[in-house]
Protein backbone atom coordinates (compact mmCIF):
# COMPACT_ATOMS: atom_id res chain seq x y z
CA UNK A 1 -81.91 39.49 -60.16
CA UNK A 2 -80.83 39.07 -56.55
CA UNK A 3 -79.96 35.98 -54.55
CA UNK A 4 -82.85 35.59 -52.12
CA UNK A 5 -80.39 34.77 -49.33
CA UNK A 6 -79.41 38.44 -49.33
CA UNK A 7 -82.75 39.04 -47.58
CA UNK A 8 -83.04 38.49 -43.87
CA UNK A 9 -86.28 37.11 -42.45
CA UNK A 10 -87.82 40.52 -41.69
CA UNK A 11 -87.03 41.91 -45.13
CA UNK A 12 -88.50 38.80 -46.72
CA UNK A 13 -91.67 39.23 -44.66
CA UNK A 14 -91.93 42.85 -45.80
CA UNK A 15 -91.56 41.81 -49.43
CA UNK A 16 -94.23 39.13 -49.16
CA UNK A 17 -96.57 41.63 -47.50
CA UNK A 18 -96.13 43.94 -50.53
CA UNK A 19 -96.99 40.98 -52.74
CA UNK A 20 -100.14 40.33 -50.73
CA UNK A 21 -98.80 37.09 -49.24
CA UNK A 22 -99.02 36.05 -45.55
CA UNK A 23 -95.72 36.43 -43.70
CA UNK A 24 -95.66 32.80 -42.53
CA UNK A 25 -94.50 31.95 -46.05
CA UNK A 26 -91.23 33.77 -45.21
CA UNK A 27 -90.56 31.24 -42.44
CA UNK A 28 -91.37 28.41 -44.84
CA UNK A 29 -88.90 29.78 -47.40
CA UNK A 30 -86.20 30.10 -44.72
CA UNK A 31 -86.86 26.52 -43.64
CA UNK A 32 -86.54 25.22 -47.20
CA UNK A 33 -83.25 27.07 -47.74
CA UNK A 34 -81.46 26.70 -44.42
CA UNK A 35 -83.00 23.62 -42.80
CA UNK A 36 -83.68 21.41 -45.82
CA UNK A 37 -81.10 22.75 -48.25
CA UNK A 38 -83.36 23.09 -51.30
CA UNK A 39 -81.63 24.70 -54.29
CA UNK A 40 -84.64 25.43 -56.45
CA UNK A 41 -87.85 27.36 -55.75
CA UNK A 42 -89.82 24.61 -57.48
CA UNK A 43 -88.90 22.26 -54.65
CA UNK A 44 -90.68 24.38 -52.03
CA UNK A 45 -93.74 22.15 -52.21
CA UNK A 46 -95.79 23.73 -49.42
CA UNK A 47 -95.77 27.17 -51.09
CA UNK A 48 -98.52 28.13 -53.56
CA UNK A 49 -97.46 27.54 -57.15
CA UNK A 50 -98.09 31.21 -57.95
CA UNK A 51 -95.67 32.31 -55.20
CA UNK A 52 -92.99 29.86 -56.34
CA UNK A 53 -93.25 31.26 -59.83
CA UNK A 54 -93.02 34.84 -58.59
CA UNK A 55 -89.95 34.01 -56.54
CA UNK A 56 -88.36 32.43 -59.60
CA UNK A 57 -89.08 35.54 -61.66
CA UNK A 58 -87.51 37.91 -59.12
CA UNK A 59 -84.70 35.96 -57.40
CA UNK A 60 -82.20 33.18 -57.85
CA UNK A 61 -81.32 30.76 -55.09
CA UNK A 62 -77.79 29.38 -55.52
CA UNK A 63 -74.77 30.84 -57.29
CA UNK A 64 -72.06 28.43 -56.07
CA UNK A 65 -71.31 25.12 -57.74
CA UNK A 66 -69.59 22.26 -55.98
CA UNK A 67 -66.75 21.46 -58.38
CA UNK A 68 -64.99 18.70 -56.48
CA UNK A 69 -64.58 17.16 -53.01
CA UNK A 70 -61.25 15.80 -51.78
CA UNK A 71 -61.33 13.52 -48.73
CA UNK A 72 -58.35 12.91 -46.47
CA UNK A 73 -57.48 9.67 -44.72
CA UNK A 74 -58.29 11.46 -41.43
CA UNK A 75 -61.84 12.30 -42.61
CA UNK A 76 -61.19 15.95 -43.47
CA UNK A 77 -62.94 17.08 -46.65
CA UNK A 78 -61.81 19.98 -48.84
CA UNK A 79 -64.50 21.43 -51.07
CA UNK A 80 -63.58 23.24 -54.29
CA UNK A 81 -66.40 25.68 -55.08
CA UNK A 82 -66.90 27.64 -58.30
CA UNK A 83 -68.63 31.02 -58.09
CA UNK A 84 -71.02 32.40 -60.68
CA UNK A 85 -68.14 34.35 -62.26
CA UNK A 86 -66.00 31.17 -62.35
CA UNK A 87 -63.66 32.27 -59.58
CA UNK A 88 -62.62 29.42 -57.28
CA UNK A 89 -62.77 29.25 -53.48
CA UNK A 90 -62.26 26.54 -50.89
CA UNK A 91 -64.13 25.35 -47.81
CA UNK A 92 -63.40 22.45 -45.49
CA UNK A 93 -65.22 19.95 -43.27
CA UNK A 94 -63.14 18.88 -40.26
CA UNK A 95 -64.66 16.05 -38.19
CA UNK A 96 -63.66 15.32 -34.59
CA UNK A 97 -65.11 12.99 -31.94
CA UNK A 98 -67.32 15.66 -30.35
CA UNK A 99 -67.87 18.11 -33.20
CA UNK A 100 -67.84 18.74 -36.92
CA UNK A 101 -66.28 22.06 -37.90
CA UNK A 102 -66.78 23.88 -41.17
CA UNK A 103 -64.03 26.22 -42.37
CA UNK A 104 -65.43 29.13 -44.39
CA UNK A 105 -63.80 31.45 -46.95
CA UNK A 106 -64.83 35.11 -47.13
CA UNK A 107 -62.88 36.40 -50.15
CA UNK A 108 -61.48 35.20 -53.46
CA UNK A 109 -57.78 35.39 -52.66
CA UNK A 110 -56.47 37.74 -50.00
CA UNK A 111 -54.99 41.25 -49.92
CA UNK A 112 -52.73 40.74 -46.95
CA UNK A 113 -50.04 38.36 -48.28
CA UNK A 114 -49.07 36.65 -45.03
CA UNK A 115 -45.83 34.84 -45.73
CA UNK A 116 -47.00 31.43 -44.49
CA UNK A 117 -50.40 31.36 -46.25
CA UNK A 118 -51.19 30.23 -49.80
CA UNK A 119 -54.49 32.15 -49.95
CA UNK A 120 -52.82 35.23 -51.40
CA UNK A 121 -51.28 33.32 -54.32
CA UNK A 122 -52.53 34.51 -56.76
CA UNK A 123 -53.71 37.88 -55.55
CA UNK A 124 -57.02 39.12 -54.18
CA UNK A 125 -59.94 39.16 -56.64
CA UNK A 126 -63.03 40.23 -54.68
CA UNK A 127 -65.17 39.87 -51.56
CA UNK A 128 -67.79 37.17 -51.27
CA UNK A 129 -71.36 38.33 -50.84
CA UNK A 130 -73.28 37.27 -47.74
CA UNK A 131 -75.34 34.94 -49.95
CA UNK A 132 -72.19 33.25 -51.30
CA UNK A 133 -70.96 32.72 -47.74
CA UNK A 134 -74.32 31.16 -46.86
CA UNK A 135 -74.03 28.93 -49.95
CA UNK A 136 -70.68 27.70 -48.58
CA UNK A 137 -72.30 26.79 -45.28
CA UNK A 138 -75.04 24.87 -47.13
CA UNK A 139 -72.43 22.78 -48.94
CA UNK A 140 -70.49 22.26 -45.70
CA UNK A 141 -73.68 21.08 -44.02
CA UNK A 142 -74.42 18.63 -46.85
CA UNK A 143 -70.88 17.26 -46.80
CA UNK A 144 -70.96 16.75 -43.03
CA UNK A 145 -73.76 14.19 -43.26
CA UNK A 146 -74.58 11.87 -41.61
CA UNK A 147 -73.01 13.90 -38.82
CA UNK A 148 -74.29 17.36 -37.86
CA UNK A 149 -72.29 20.49 -38.68
CA UNK A 150 -71.76 21.96 -35.18
CA UNK A 151 -69.08 24.66 -35.48
CA UNK A 152 -67.91 27.21 -38.04
CA UNK A 153 -64.56 28.97 -38.29
CA UNK A 154 -64.04 31.91 -40.61
CA UNK A 155 -60.46 30.86 -41.25
CA UNK A 156 -60.59 30.00 -44.93
CA UNK A 157 -59.46 32.15 -47.82
CA UNK A 158 -59.45 35.90 -47.21
CA UNK A 159 -59.65 38.25 -44.23
CA UNK A 160 -63.14 38.23 -42.64
CA UNK A 161 -62.85 41.71 -41.11
CA UNK A 162 -61.90 43.12 -44.52
CA UNK A 163 -65.32 41.92 -45.74
CA UNK A 164 -66.98 42.98 -42.52
CA UNK A 165 -70.56 43.80 -43.53
CA UNK A 166 -71.11 40.66 -45.60
CA UNK A 167 -69.56 38.42 -42.94
CA UNK A 168 -71.67 39.82 -40.10
CA UNK A 169 -74.83 39.71 -42.22
CA UNK A 170 -74.16 36.03 -42.99
CA UNK A 171 -73.34 35.22 -39.36
CA UNK A 172 -76.65 36.64 -38.16
CA UNK A 173 -78.51 34.21 -40.45
CA UNK A 174 -76.16 31.34 -39.56
CA UNK A 175 -76.88 32.02 -35.88
CA UNK A 176 -80.63 32.61 -36.30
CA UNK A 177 -83.02 29.86 -35.10
CA UNK A 178 -84.80 30.27 -38.45
CA UNK A 179 -81.48 30.00 -40.32
CA UNK A 180 -78.74 27.42 -39.74
CA UNK A 181 -79.21 27.75 -35.97
CA UNK A 182 -75.51 27.40 -35.09
CA UNK A 183 -74.78 28.97 -31.70
CA UNK A 184 -72.74 32.17 -31.69
CA UNK A 185 -70.19 30.66 -29.31
CA UNK A 186 -69.59 27.92 -31.87
CA UNK A 187 -68.67 30.48 -34.55
CA UNK A 188 -65.10 31.83 -34.71
CA UNK A 189 -63.96 34.87 -36.67
CA UNK A 190 -60.23 34.95 -37.42
CA UNK A 191 -58.38 38.15 -38.27
CA UNK A 192 -54.82 39.08 -39.19
CA UNK A 193 -55.27 42.12 -36.95
CA UNK A 194 -57.64 44.64 -38.57
CA UNK A 195 -58.03 46.98 -35.59
CA UNK A 196 -61.11 48.94 -36.83
CA UNK A 197 -62.87 45.61 -37.45
CA UNK A 198 -62.03 44.34 -33.96
CA UNK A 199 -63.49 47.53 -32.49
CA UNK A 200 -66.66 47.24 -34.61
CA UNK A 201 -67.08 43.60 -33.63
CA UNK A 202 -66.96 44.49 -29.94
CA UNK A 203 -70.14 46.56 -30.44
CA UNK A 204 -72.15 43.93 -32.34
CA UNK A 205 -73.56 42.10 -29.34
CA UNK A 206 -72.61 38.78 -30.93
CA UNK A 207 -71.04 36.23 -28.62
CA UNK A 208 -68.82 34.84 -31.36
CA UNK A 209 -65.27 33.74 -30.70
CA UNK A 210 -62.44 36.01 -31.89
CA UNK A 211 -59.14 34.58 -33.08
CA UNK A 212 -56.22 36.93 -33.80
CA UNK A 213 -53.21 35.93 -35.88
CA UNK A 214 -50.13 36.78 -33.80
CA UNK A 215 -47.27 34.58 -35.09
CA UNK A 216 -44.57 36.73 -33.47
CA UNK A 217 -44.26 39.27 -30.68
CA UNK A 218 -41.29 40.91 -32.36
CA UNK A 219 -42.35 43.89 -34.51
CA UNK A 220 -39.72 43.28 -37.19
CA UNK A 221 -40.36 39.54 -37.49
CA UNK A 222 -44.14 39.98 -37.48
CA UNK A 223 -43.90 42.64 -40.19
CA UNK A 224 -41.86 40.24 -42.33
CA UNK A 225 -44.48 37.52 -41.82
CA UNK A 226 -47.53 39.78 -41.94
CA UNK A 227 -47.26 43.09 -43.83
CA UNK A 228 -50.44 44.28 -42.07
CA UNK A 229 -48.25 44.79 -38.98
CA UNK A 230 -46.81 47.92 -40.61
CA UNK A 231 -50.27 49.50 -40.60
CA UNK A 232 -51.51 48.06 -37.31
CA UNK A 233 -48.40 47.39 -35.18
CA UNK A 234 -48.33 45.00 -32.26
CA UNK A 235 -48.63 47.61 -29.51
CA UNK A 236 -51.82 49.02 -31.02
CA UNK A 237 -53.19 45.55 -31.81
CA UNK A 238 -52.71 44.24 -28.27
CA UNK A 239 -54.32 47.41 -26.91
CA UNK A 240 -57.35 46.86 -29.16
CA UNK A 241 -57.54 43.24 -28.02
CA UNK A 242 -57.42 44.31 -24.39
CA UNK A 243 -60.31 46.74 -25.02
CA UNK A 244 -62.26 44.00 -26.82
CA UNK A 245 -61.86 41.63 -23.87
CA UNK A 246 -62.92 44.31 -21.38
CA UNK A 247 -65.99 45.34 -23.41
CA UNK A 248 -67.24 41.84 -24.32
CA UNK A 249 -65.95 39.89 -21.32
CA UNK A 250 -64.83 37.22 -23.78
CA UNK A 251 -61.55 35.38 -24.20
CA UNK A 252 -59.43 35.90 -27.33
CA UNK A 253 -57.42 33.17 -29.00
CA UNK A 254 -54.04 34.17 -30.41
CA UNK A 255 -52.99 31.98 -33.33
CA UNK A 256 -49.25 31.31 -33.61
CA UNK A 257 -47.90 29.49 -36.68
CA UNK A 258 -44.56 27.91 -35.84
CA UNK A 259 -42.04 28.34 -38.66
CA UNK A 260 -38.61 26.75 -38.60
CA UNK A 261 -35.85 29.32 -38.15
CA UNK A 262 -38.22 32.28 -37.89
CA UNK A 263 -40.33 32.44 -34.72
CA UNK A 264 -39.84 29.21 -32.77
CA UNK A 265 -36.88 29.84 -30.44
CA UNK A 266 -36.82 30.13 -26.64
CA UNK A 267 -36.54 33.92 -26.86
CA UNK A 268 -39.84 33.93 -28.77
CA UNK A 269 -41.59 32.20 -25.87
CA UNK A 270 -40.23 34.79 -23.44
CA UNK A 271 -41.43 37.73 -25.54
CA UNK A 272 -44.83 36.12 -26.11
CA UNK A 273 -45.41 35.46 -22.41
CA UNK A 274 -44.43 39.02 -21.53
CA UNK A 275 -46.71 40.60 -24.15
CA UNK A 276 -49.78 38.51 -23.28
CA UNK A 277 -49.39 38.60 -19.51
CA UNK A 278 -52.67 39.46 -17.77
CA UNK A 279 -54.87 39.05 -20.86
CA UNK A 280 -57.86 36.70 -20.84
CA UNK A 281 -56.54 34.68 -23.74
CA UNK A 282 -55.19 31.40 -24.96
CA UNK A 283 -52.46 30.67 -27.50
CA UNK A 284 -53.13 28.15 -30.25
CA UNK A 285 -49.89 26.83 -31.70
CA UNK A 286 -50.03 25.70 -35.33
CA UNK A 287 -47.11 23.89 -36.95
CA UNK A 288 -46.64 25.58 -40.33
CA UNK A 289 -47.79 23.75 -43.42
CA UNK A 290 -45.00 23.12 -45.89
CA UNK A 291 -45.55 25.49 -48.81
CA UNK A 292 -42.76 25.20 -51.33
CA UNK A 293 -43.84 28.39 -53.16
CA UNK A 294 -43.26 30.34 -49.93
CA UNK A 295 -40.22 28.41 -48.62
CA UNK A 296 -42.06 27.56 -45.38
CA UNK A 297 -41.30 24.55 -43.15
CA UNK A 298 -42.46 23.66 -39.60
CA UNK A 299 -40.00 22.93 -36.77
CA UNK A 300 -39.50 19.30 -35.86
CA UNK A 301 -41.82 17.70 -33.29
CA UNK A 302 -39.44 18.00 -30.25
CA UNK A 303 -38.97 21.72 -30.98
CA UNK A 304 -42.74 22.22 -31.21
CA UNK A 305 -43.35 20.48 -27.89
CA UNK A 306 -40.51 22.43 -26.25
CA UNK A 307 -42.05 25.70 -27.45
CA UNK A 308 -45.45 24.73 -26.05
CA UNK A 309 -44.04 23.63 -22.67
CA UNK A 310 -42.06 26.86 -22.38
CA UNK A 311 -45.21 28.96 -22.82
CA UNK A 312 -47.14 26.83 -20.31
CA UNK A 313 -44.36 27.25 -17.72
CA UNK A 314 -44.67 31.01 -18.20
CA UNK A 315 -48.34 30.91 -17.25
CA UNK A 316 -50.11 30.91 -20.63
CA UNK A 317 -53.08 28.77 -21.62
CA UNK A 318 -51.77 26.90 -24.68
CA UNK A 319 -53.24 24.45 -27.17
CA UNK A 320 -51.48 22.68 -30.04
CA UNK A 321 -53.46 22.23 -33.24
CA UNK A 322 -53.22 18.79 -34.75
CA UNK A 323 -52.47 18.93 -38.49
CA UNK A 324 -55.43 17.74 -40.57
CA UNK A 325 -55.86 16.80 -44.21
CA UNK A 326 -52.19 17.01 -45.12
CA UNK A 327 -52.52 14.27 -47.74
CA UNK A 328 -55.00 16.43 -49.70
CA UNK A 329 -53.24 19.80 -49.27
CA UNK A 330 -56.06 20.96 -46.98
CA UNK A 331 -54.20 24.03 -45.74
CA UNK A 332 -55.95 27.23 -46.73
CA UNK A 333 -55.47 28.13 -50.38
CA UNK A 334 -53.23 25.20 -51.34
CA UNK A 335 -55.75 23.27 -53.43
CA UNK A 336 -57.08 26.42 -55.09
CA UNK A 337 -53.51 27.34 -55.95
CA UNK A 338 -53.25 24.12 -57.94
CA UNK A 339 -56.54 24.82 -59.69
CA UNK A 340 -55.61 28.40 -60.60
CA UNK A 341 -52.25 27.25 -62.00
CA UNK A 342 -53.93 24.80 -64.39
């Protein structure tokens, strides 16, 4: 059996036509799944009973189980989700005065072993299907209530561009007026720097936001932080980003995790400003989360502010991410790490 969310609206219409059913039932099914969040075909009360039974015989509807929700003092929620094969992933709800952002995972674990991220401990297990990603969004939507889920960031566990086809398939339904109806410009895909994926994304015609993990503009330091840099070095990555900006006419965000004693000195600001000069981009500074397993610590607050001011003085558009959910280990992969260790 197949999860029915693997079918887009047109494919669902085609299937119903083969079954001798009018295609408006496809829109009703989409509405029940994505607008009203039903998790059982029996709850689709405006469908004929015979069609509900046939759907039940040929498809299943949900394969994720909400295991537990942790809520921070700042309102951030971390969702622990169990897949059908009992693997564990995380998702997060991050409220702010003008928005509610959902953080989505795309893989169980991660192949790329970035030094500052707990997602790769333990190692990569598998990709999520597009239906599993859509299940995540359903749970994020439910756990945003009474507020509306307005934004999504593919910044959870895993590398979105390493699970390219399933991520894009899910995003098209997330963006669809018949699906979750979240605007493309309110959806961000984050990548550690998978150049072929960046090039493919530039041809999709999706006005999603692209966020690229930078974290250092020194080849040696970046390679020590992000092994992917050995395959896709900085010079080639920045060139691909430049091409993406020119083709899509969209700004790129470069994420920069500040790690004490590694990439947070004045010389790092000089190199960063030089490398990004002339690009339509902004730099999002992120104080590192303390991860004892990885021996990672953030700089102190004055050092963080000095780093930001130094980049601004050199002409870059800079934001500083406010830490969220620290009291519940909300950083990507940290809670799952505790679960997997049990």
